[in-house]
N, C-alpha and C. Protein backbone atom coordinates (compact mmCIF):
# COMPACT_ATOMS: atom_id res chain seq x y z
N MET A 1 -19.08 14.49 11.89
CA MET A 1 -18.01 13.54 11.57
C MET A 1 -17.26 14.05 10.37
N ILE A 2 -15.96 14.10 10.47
CA ILE A 2 -15.09 14.50 9.35
C ILE A 2 -14.39 13.27 8.81
N ILE A 3 -14.55 13.06 7.49
CA ILE A 3 -13.90 11.92 6.83
C ILE A 3 -12.90 12.46 5.81
N ASN A 4 -11.66 11.97 5.92
CA ASN A 4 -10.57 12.35 5.00
C ASN A 4 -10.10 11.14 4.21
N PHE A 5 -9.88 11.34 2.92
CA PHE A 5 -9.36 10.30 2.04
C PHE A 5 -7.97 10.77 1.56
N SER A 6 -7.00 9.91 1.63
CA SER A 6 -5.65 10.21 1.15
C SER A 6 -5.25 9.14 0.13
N PHE A 7 -4.98 9.61 -1.09
CA PHE A 7 -4.52 8.70 -2.16
C PHE A 7 -3.07 9.03 -2.49
N VAL A 8 -2.23 8.06 -2.56
CA VAL A 8 -0.84 8.22 -2.99
C VAL A 8 -0.58 7.17 -4.05
N LEU A 9 -0.40 7.59 -5.29
CA LEU A 9 -0.18 6.64 -6.38
C LEU A 9 1.24 6.16 -6.35
N ASN A 10 1.42 4.85 -6.63
CA ASN A 10 2.79 4.30 -6.76
C ASN A 10 3.46 4.88 -7.97
N THR A 11 4.73 5.24 -7.84
CA THR A 11 5.47 5.84 -8.94
C THR A 11 6.36 4.83 -9.66
N GLU A 12 6.57 3.69 -9.05
CA GLU A 12 7.40 2.66 -9.70
C GLU A 12 6.51 1.81 -10.60
N ILE A 13 6.92 1.65 -11.86
CA ILE A 13 6.17 0.86 -12.82
C ILE A 13 6.79 -0.56 -12.89
N PRO A 14 6.02 -1.57 -12.47
CA PRO A 14 6.58 -2.92 -12.55
C PRO A 14 6.73 -3.36 -14.00
N SER A 15 7.57 -4.33 -14.24
CA SER A 15 7.73 -4.83 -15.60
C SER A 15 7.09 -6.22 -15.73
N GLY A 16 6.82 -6.60 -16.95
CA GLY A 16 6.19 -7.89 -17.20
C GLY A 16 4.83 -7.73 -17.86
N GLY A 17 4.40 -8.71 -18.58
CA GLY A 17 3.15 -8.67 -19.33
C GLY A 17 1.95 -8.50 -18.45
N GLU A 18 1.98 -9.03 -17.22
CA GLU A 18 0.79 -8.95 -16.34
C GLU A 18 0.58 -7.53 -15.85
N TYR A 19 1.50 -6.62 -16.08
CA TYR A 19 1.35 -5.22 -15.63
C TYR A 19 1.09 -4.28 -16.81
N SER A 20 0.39 -4.75 -17.83
CA SER A 20 0.17 -3.93 -19.03
C SER A 20 -0.67 -2.68 -18.72
N ALA A 21 -1.50 -2.71 -17.67
CA ALA A 21 -2.33 -1.57 -17.31
C ALA A 21 -1.50 -0.36 -16.98
N TYR A 22 -0.30 -0.57 -16.47
CA TYR A 22 0.57 0.53 -16.07
C TYR A 22 1.02 1.36 -17.29
N LYS A 23 0.96 0.80 -18.47
CA LYS A 23 1.35 1.55 -19.68
C LYS A 23 0.37 2.70 -19.91
N HIS A 24 -0.86 2.56 -19.40
CA HIS A 24 -1.88 3.56 -19.65
C HIS A 24 -2.09 4.47 -18.45
N GLY A 25 -1.37 4.28 -17.43
CA GLY A 25 -1.45 5.15 -16.24
C GLY A 25 -1.30 4.33 -14.97
N TYR A 26 -0.87 5.02 -13.93
CA TYR A 26 -0.69 4.38 -12.64
C TYR A 26 -2.09 4.19 -12.00
N ILE A 27 -2.39 2.97 -11.63
CA ILE A 27 -3.70 2.71 -11.05
C ILE A 27 -3.61 2.13 -9.65
N GLU A 28 -2.44 1.82 -9.17
CA GLU A 28 -2.28 1.23 -7.86
C GLU A 28 -1.61 2.22 -6.93
N GLY A 29 -2.02 2.18 -5.68
CA GLY A 29 -1.42 3.10 -4.72
C GLY A 29 -1.85 2.82 -3.32
N THR A 30 -1.56 3.75 -2.44
CA THR A 30 -1.91 3.67 -1.03
C THR A 30 -3.16 4.48 -0.76
N LEU A 31 -4.06 3.93 0.00
CA LEU A 31 -5.29 4.61 0.39
C LEU A 31 -5.42 4.61 1.90
N ASP A 32 -5.59 5.77 2.47
CA ASP A 32 -5.89 5.93 3.89
C ASP A 32 -7.24 6.65 4.01
N ILE A 33 -8.08 6.12 4.88
CA ILE A 33 -9.37 6.78 5.22
C ILE A 33 -9.33 7.03 6.70
N SER A 34 -9.52 8.30 7.08
CA SER A 34 -9.53 8.69 8.48
C SER A 34 -10.90 9.29 8.82
N MET A 35 -11.36 8.99 9.99
CA MET A 35 -12.62 9.58 10.49
C MET A 35 -12.32 10.29 11.81
N ASP A 36 -12.62 11.56 11.81
CA ASP A 36 -12.34 12.40 13.00
C ASP A 36 -10.92 12.28 13.46
N GLY A 37 -9.97 12.24 12.50
CA GLY A 37 -8.55 12.20 12.82
C GLY A 37 -7.99 10.84 13.15
N LYS A 38 -8.83 9.79 13.21
CA LYS A 38 -8.36 8.44 13.55
C LYS A 38 -8.37 7.60 12.28
N LEU A 39 -7.28 6.86 12.06
CA LEU A 39 -7.19 6.00 10.90
C LEU A 39 -8.20 4.89 10.93
N PHE A 40 -9.06 4.82 9.90
CA PHE A 40 -10.12 3.84 9.84
C PHE A 40 -9.79 2.73 8.87
N PHE A 41 -9.07 3.05 7.79
CA PHE A 41 -8.73 2.07 6.77
C PHE A 41 -7.39 2.43 6.14
N HIS A 42 -6.57 1.42 5.86
CA HIS A 42 -5.26 1.62 5.25
C HIS A 42 -4.96 0.44 4.33
N ASP A 43 -4.60 0.71 3.10
CA ASP A 43 -4.19 -0.36 2.16
C ASP A 43 -3.10 0.22 1.27
N GLU A 44 -1.94 -0.44 1.26
CA GLU A 44 -0.79 0.05 0.52
C GLU A 44 -0.84 -0.32 -0.97
N TYR A 45 -1.62 -1.33 -1.31
CA TYR A 45 -1.63 -1.82 -2.70
C TYR A 45 -3.04 -1.91 -3.25
N ILE A 46 -3.82 -0.87 -3.04
CA ILE A 46 -5.18 -0.90 -3.54
C ILE A 46 -5.26 -0.46 -5.01
N CYS A 47 -6.11 -1.06 -5.77
CA CYS A 47 -6.32 -0.65 -7.18
C CYS A 47 -7.28 0.51 -7.17
N LEU A 48 -6.76 1.70 -7.32
CA LEU A 48 -7.57 2.92 -7.21
C LEU A 48 -8.59 3.03 -8.35
N ALA A 49 -8.30 2.44 -9.51
CA ALA A 49 -9.24 2.47 -10.61
C ALA A 49 -10.51 1.71 -10.27
N GLU A 50 -10.42 0.68 -9.47
CA GLU A 50 -11.59 -0.08 -9.08
C GLU A 50 -12.26 0.50 -7.81
N PHE A 51 -11.48 1.15 -7.00
CA PHE A 51 -12.00 1.71 -5.75
C PHE A 51 -12.98 2.83 -6.01
N GLY A 52 -12.73 3.69 -6.99
CA GLY A 52 -13.61 4.84 -7.27
C GLY A 52 -15.06 4.46 -7.50
N PRO A 53 -15.35 3.56 -8.44
CA PRO A 53 -16.73 3.14 -8.66
C PRO A 53 -17.36 2.50 -7.43
N GLN A 54 -16.59 1.69 -6.66
CA GLN A 54 -17.13 1.08 -5.48
C GLN A 54 -17.46 2.11 -4.42
N LEU A 55 -16.64 3.12 -4.28
CA LEU A 55 -16.92 4.21 -3.34
C LEU A 55 -18.18 4.94 -3.73
N GLY A 56 -18.35 5.21 -5.04
CA GLY A 56 -19.53 5.89 -5.53
C GLY A 56 -20.79 5.09 -5.22
N THR A 57 -20.78 3.78 -5.40
CA THR A 57 -21.94 2.94 -5.11
C THR A 57 -22.23 2.97 -3.62
N TRP A 58 -21.21 2.91 -2.80
CA TRP A 58 -21.41 2.93 -1.35
C TRP A 58 -22.02 4.28 -0.89
N LEU A 59 -21.53 5.39 -1.44
CA LEU A 59 -22.07 6.70 -1.10
C LEU A 59 -23.51 6.85 -1.54
N LYS A 60 -23.87 6.32 -2.70
CA LYS A 60 -25.27 6.37 -3.14
C LYS A 60 -26.18 5.63 -2.18
N LYS A 61 -25.75 4.48 -1.70
CA LYS A 61 -26.54 3.75 -0.74
C LYS A 61 -26.76 4.51 0.57
N ILE A 62 -25.72 5.21 1.01
CA ILE A 62 -25.80 6.04 2.22
C ILE A 62 -26.81 7.15 2.00
N ILE A 63 -26.72 7.84 0.85
CA ILE A 63 -27.64 8.94 0.56
C ILE A 63 -29.07 8.47 0.50
N VAL A 64 -29.34 7.31 -0.11
CA VAL A 64 -30.69 6.77 -0.15
C VAL A 64 -31.20 6.49 1.25
N ARG A 65 -30.40 5.89 2.08
CA ARG A 65 -30.78 5.60 3.48
C ARG A 65 -31.08 6.89 4.25
N LEU A 66 -30.22 7.87 4.07
CA LEU A 66 -30.46 9.16 4.76
C LEU A 66 -31.75 9.80 4.30
N SER A 67 -32.04 9.84 3.02
CA SER A 67 -33.24 10.47 2.54
C SER A 67 -34.47 9.68 2.95
N THR A 68 -34.38 8.32 3.05
CA THR A 68 -35.47 7.52 3.53
C THR A 68 -35.73 7.78 4.99
N THR A 69 -34.68 7.88 5.79
CA THR A 69 -34.80 8.13 7.22
C THR A 69 -35.43 9.52 7.47
N MET A 70 -35.04 10.49 6.67
CA MET A 70 -35.55 11.85 6.91
C MET A 70 -37.02 11.97 6.51
N ARG A 71 -37.49 11.13 5.63
CA ARG A 71 -38.90 11.19 5.23
C ARG A 71 -39.79 10.56 6.27
N SER A 72 -39.26 9.67 7.10
CA SER A 72 -40.08 8.97 8.09
C SER A 72 -40.48 9.86 9.20
């Protein structure tokens, strides 16, 4: 299985106090996840700064399951 991740950061910086995080860098963008060439997930307004740690946690769980399965 081939999994591809595509991140495209938004280049427009919104104005207003609620968007203060944009002063320190662009954190919102589009995320596409494809598996074997087929689109599996698409979100145009995902917070990429939060997605990274969540993806890492998910991958760790998969690795633990794989290593447990291989030991059996």
